Amino acid sequence: MVGGSRMPGYGRFVASLEPNMYISKVKQAELTDPVLTAHLHDGWDAVTAIRGYLPHDEESAGWAAVIRWINPDCPPPPGHELERLSRK
């Protein structure tokens, strides 16, 4: 499954961290995000940041994380790399 996760904690760091670095720090538990951290604890993985997910979301500075959950009994087919998504 693939979805989007708001990052309401990112707005505090928008001037000092690129969005993918913010995601990395949340994944490594160096930072806690009210929404993204909950998704990670539920077994989702944050793949990359995308701009414009919710353009008026000031807390997230308009950014979100693409998240995915892979069913261990049914892995994705070859060539299904979400990391190749455009970050525009």
N, C-alpha and C. Protein backbone atom coordinates (compact mmCIF):
# COMPACT_ATOMS: atom_id res chain seq x y z
N MET A 1 0.84 -1.16 0.00
CA MET A 1 0.00 0.00 0.00
C MET A 1 0.89 1.23 0.00
N VAL A 2 0.42 2.27 -0.64
CA VAL A 2 1.17 3.52 -0.74
C VAL A 2 0.25 4.64 -0.30
N GLY A 3 0.82 5.60 0.42
CA GLY A 3 0.03 6.74 0.87
C GLY A 3 0.92 7.95 1.08
N GLY A 4 0.31 8.96 1.64
CA GLY A 4 1.03 10.17 1.98
C GLY A 4 0.89 10.45 3.46
N SER A 5 1.91 11.01 4.03
CA SER A 5 1.90 11.36 5.44
C SER A 5 2.26 12.82 5.61
N ARG A 6 1.36 13.57 6.23
CA ARG A 6 1.70 14.93 6.61
C ARG A 6 2.93 14.90 7.50
N MET A 7 3.64 16.00 7.53
CA MET A 7 4.81 16.13 8.41
C MET A 7 4.67 17.44 9.19
N PRO A 8 3.71 17.54 10.10
CA PRO A 8 3.44 18.81 10.76
C PRO A 8 4.59 19.35 11.60
N GLY A 9 5.54 18.53 11.93
CA GLY A 9 6.71 19.02 12.64
C GLY A 9 7.73 19.69 11.73
N TYR A 10 7.62 19.44 10.43
CA TYR A 10 8.63 19.94 9.50
C TYR A 10 8.66 21.47 9.40
N GLY A 11 7.53 22.12 9.57
CA GLY A 11 7.48 23.57 9.46
C GLY A 11 8.48 24.28 10.37
N ARG A 12 8.79 23.69 11.50
CA ARG A 12 9.77 24.28 12.43
C ARG A 12 11.19 24.17 11.90
N PHE A 13 11.42 23.26 10.95
CA PHE A 13 12.78 22.98 10.47
C PHE A 13 12.99 23.36 9.00
N VAL A 14 11.97 23.92 8.36
CA VAL A 14 12.03 24.16 6.92
C VAL A 14 13.24 25.02 6.52
N ALA A 15 13.67 25.93 7.39
CA ALA A 15 14.81 26.79 7.06
C ALA A 15 16.16 26.11 7.26
N SER A 16 16.17 25.01 8.02
CA SER A 16 17.46 24.39 8.35
C SER A 16 17.63 22.96 7.84
N LEU A 17 16.56 22.31 7.41
CA LEU A 17 16.65 20.92 6.94
C LEU A 17 15.90 20.73 5.63
N GLU A 18 16.52 20.05 4.70
CA GLU A 18 15.81 19.62 3.50
C GLU A 18 14.76 18.59 3.93
N PRO A 19 13.65 18.48 3.22
CA PRO A 19 12.59 17.57 3.65
C PRO A 19 13.04 16.10 3.77
N ASN A 20 13.88 15.63 2.85
CA ASN A 20 14.33 14.24 2.96
C ASN A 20 15.26 14.02 4.15
N MET A 21 16.01 15.06 4.53
CA MET A 21 16.84 14.95 5.73
C MET A 21 15.95 14.91 6.97
N TYR A 22 14.88 15.69 6.96
CA TYR A 22 13.92 15.64 8.06
C TYR A 22 13.35 14.24 8.20
N ILE A 23 12.92 13.66 7.08
CA ILE A 23 12.39 12.29 7.09
C ILE A 23 13.43 11.33 7.66
N SER A 24 14.66 11.46 7.21
CA SER A 24 15.73 10.58 7.69
C SER A 24 15.90 10.70 9.20
N LYS A 25 15.87 11.92 9.72
CA LYS A 25 16.03 12.12 11.16
C LYS A 25 14.84 11.56 11.94
N VAL A 26 13.65 11.65 11.38
CA VAL A 26 12.48 11.05 12.03
C VAL A 26 12.60 9.53 12.01
N LYS A 27 13.03 8.97 10.88
CA LYS A 27 13.20 7.51 10.79
C LYS A 27 14.24 7.00 11.77
N GLN A 28 15.28 7.81 12.03
CA GLN A 28 16.34 7.41 12.96
C GLN A 28 16.01 7.79 14.40
N ALA A 29 14.80 8.30 14.63
CA ALA A 29 14.33 8.71 15.96
C ALA A 29 15.15 9.85 16.56
N GLU A 30 15.81 10.64 15.71
CA GLU A 30 16.51 11.84 16.18
C GLU A 30 15.52 12.98 16.37
N LEU A 31 14.43 12.94 15.59
CA LEU A 31 13.32 13.88 15.71
C LEU A 31 12.03 13.09 15.78
N THR A 32 11.02 13.71 16.35
CA THR A 32 9.69 13.09 16.41
C THR A 32 8.72 13.99 15.68
N ASP A 33 7.93 13.42 14.80
CA ASP A 33 6.90 14.15 14.08
C ASP A 33 5.55 13.57 14.51
N PRO A 34 4.57 14.42 14.82
CA PRO A 34 3.30 13.92 15.34
C PRO A 34 2.58 12.92 14.42
N VAL A 35 2.74 13.05 13.12
CA VAL A 35 2.04 12.15 12.20
C VAL A 35 2.98 11.11 11.62
N LEU A 36 4.10 11.54 11.06
CA LEU A 36 5.02 10.60 10.41
C LEU A 36 5.53 9.54 11.39
N THR A 37 5.87 9.94 12.60
CA THR A 37 6.36 8.98 13.59
C THR A 37 5.31 7.91 13.86
N ALA A 38 4.04 8.31 13.93
CA ALA A 38 2.97 7.34 14.16
C ALA A 38 2.89 6.34 13.01
N HIS A 39 3.01 6.82 11.77
CA HIS A 39 3.00 5.90 10.62
C HIS A 39 4.17 4.92 10.68
N LEU A 40 5.34 5.43 11.02
CA LEU A 40 6.52 4.56 11.10
C LEU A 40 6.33 3.50 12.19
N HIS A 41 5.76 3.87 13.30
CA HIS A 41 5.52 2.91 14.39
C HIS A 41 4.47 1.88 14.01
N ASP A 42 3.60 2.23 13.05
CA ASP A 42 2.59 1.28 12.57
C ASP A 42 3.11 0.35 11.48
N GLY A 43 4.41 0.45 11.16
CA GLY A 43 5.00 -0.46 10.19
C GLY A 43 5.16 0.10 8.78
N TRP A 44 4.80 1.35 8.58
CA TRP A 44 5.00 1.97 7.27
C TRP A 44 6.45 2.42 7.14
N ASP A 45 6.92 2.59 5.91
CA ASP A 45 8.25 3.11 5.63
C ASP A 45 8.09 4.42 4.88
N ALA A 46 8.86 5.43 5.22
CA ALA A 46 8.86 6.69 4.49
C ALA A 46 9.88 6.58 3.37
N VAL A 47 9.42 6.81 2.14
CA VAL A 47 10.25 6.60 0.96
C VAL A 47 10.95 7.88 0.51
N THR A 48 10.19 8.95 0.39
CA THR A 48 10.73 10.22 -0.10
C THR A 48 9.77 11.34 0.24
N ALA A 49 10.23 12.56 0.09
CA ALA A 49 9.39 13.73 0.32
C ALA A 49 8.77 14.18 -1.00
N ILE A 50 7.56 14.72 -0.89
CA ILE A 50 6.91 15.31 -2.06
C ILE A 50 6.36 16.68 -1.66
N ARG A 51 6.49 17.63 -2.57
CA ARG A 51 6.00 18.99 -2.35
C ARG A 51 4.58 19.10 -2.89
N GLY A 52 3.76 19.86 -2.20
CA GLY A 52 2.42 20.15 -2.70
C GLY A 52 1.36 19.12 -2.34
N TYR A 53 1.65 18.20 -1.44
CA TYR A 53 0.66 17.19 -1.03
C TYR A 53 -0.60 17.87 -0.50
N LEU A 54 -0.41 18.76 0.44
CA LEU A 54 -1.47 19.65 0.93
C LEU A 54 -0.87 21.06 0.91
N PRO A 55 -1.01 21.77 -0.20
CA PRO A 55 -0.29 23.04 -0.38
C PRO A 55 -0.54 24.07 0.73
N HIS A 56 -1.70 24.04 1.36
CA HIS A 56 -2.02 25.03 2.39
C HIS A 56 -1.70 24.54 3.80
N ASP A 57 -1.02 23.43 3.90
CA ASP A 57 -0.64 22.87 5.20
C ASP A 57 0.63 23.57 5.69
N GLU A 58 0.44 24.66 6.41
CA GLU A 58 1.59 25.46 6.86
C GLU A 58 2.46 24.69 7.85
N GLU A 59 1.86 23.85 8.69
CA GLU A 59 2.66 23.08 9.65
C GLU A 59 3.66 22.17 8.95
N SER A 60 3.27 21.64 7.80
CA SER A 60 4.15 20.76 7.02
C SER A 60 4.90 21.52 5.93
N ALA A 61 4.70 22.82 5.86
CA ALA A 61 5.31 23.67 4.83
C ALA A 61 4.99 23.15 3.42
N GLY A 62 3.81 22.53 3.28
CA GLY A 62 3.38 22.01 1.98
C GLY A 62 4.02 20.68 1.59
N TRP A 63 4.85 20.11 2.43
CA TRP A 63 5.54 18.86 2.14
C TRP A 63 4.86 17.68 2.83
N ALA A 64 5.09 16.51 2.30
CA ALA A 64 4.61 15.27 2.90
C ALA A 64 5.63 14.18 2.59
N ALA A 65 5.46 13.06 3.25
CA ALA A 65 6.29 11.89 2.96
C ALA A 65 5.45 10.87 2.20
N VAL A 66 6.01 10.31 1.15
CA VAL A 66 5.39 9.16 0.51
C VAL A 66 5.70 7.98 1.42
N ILE A 67 4.67 7.28 1.84
CA ILE A 67 4.87 6.15 2.73
C ILE A 67 4.35 4.88 2.06
N ARG A 68 4.92 3.77 2.46
CA ARG A 68 4.47 2.49 1.90
C ARG A 68 4.51 1.43 2.98
N TRP A 69 3.62 0.49 2.81
CA TRP A 69 3.62 -0.71 3.65
C TRP A 69 3.66 -1.88 2.69
N ILE A 70 4.63 -2.74 2.87
CA ILE A 70 4.78 -3.90 1.99
C ILE A 70 4.30 -5.13 2.73
N ASN A 71 3.36 -5.81 2.12
CA ASN A 71 2.85 -7.06 2.67
C ASN A 71 3.97 -8.09 2.53
N PRO A 72 4.46 -8.63 3.64
CA PRO A 72 5.57 -9.58 3.55
C PRO A 72 5.21 -10.85 2.78
N ASP A 73 3.92 -11.14 2.64
CA ASP A 73 3.49 -12.33 1.89
C ASP A 73 3.31 -12.04 0.41
N CYS A 74 3.43 -10.78 0.02
CA CYS A 74 3.22 -10.42 -1.39
C CYS A 74 4.08 -9.20 -1.73
N PRO A 75 5.39 -9.38 -1.88
CA PRO A 75 6.27 -8.23 -2.17
C PRO A 75 5.95 -7.61 -3.53
N PRO A 76 6.32 -6.34 -3.72
CA PRO A 76 6.03 -5.68 -4.99
C PRO A 76 6.82 -6.31 -6.14
N PRO A 77 6.28 -6.17 -7.35
CA PRO A 77 6.98 -6.72 -8.51
C PRO A 77 8.25 -5.94 -8.82
N PRO A 78 9.18 -6.55 -9.54
CA PRO A 78 10.40 -5.84 -9.95
C PRO A 78 10.03 -4.59 -10.75
N GLY A 79 10.80 -3.54 -10.57
CA GLY A 79 10.56 -2.30 -11.29
C GLY A 79 9.60 -1.35 -10.60
N HIS A 80 9.15 -1.72 -9.41
CA HIS A 80 8.19 -0.90 -8.67
C HIS A 80 8.91 -0.14 -7.57
N GLU A 81 9.86 0.72 -7.97
CA GLU A 81 10.66 1.46 -7.00
C GLU A 81 10.07 2.85 -6.80
N LEU A 82 9.49 3.07 -5.64
CA LEU A 82 8.92 4.38 -5.35
C LEU A 82 9.99 5.45 -5.22
N GLU A 83 11.21 5.05 -4.95
CA GLU A 83 12.30 6.02 -4.80
C GLU A 83 12.52 6.83 -6.08
N ARG A 84 12.01 6.35 -7.21
CA ARG A 84 12.20 7.05 -8.47
C ARG A 84 11.18 8.16 -8.68
N LEU A 85 10.27 8.39 -7.75
CA LEU A 85 9.26 9.43 -7.91
C LEU A 85 9.88 10.80 -8.02
N SER A 86 9.25 11.66 -8.81
CA SER A 86 9.69 13.05 -8.94
C SER A 86 9.45 13.76 -7.62
N ARG A 87 10.36 14.64 -7.24
CA ARG A 87 10.24 15.38 -5.99
C ARG A 87 9.79 16.82 -6.24
N LYS A 88 9.31 17.12 -7.41
CA LYS A 88 8.89 18.49 -7.76
C LYS A 88 7.61 18.87 -7.07
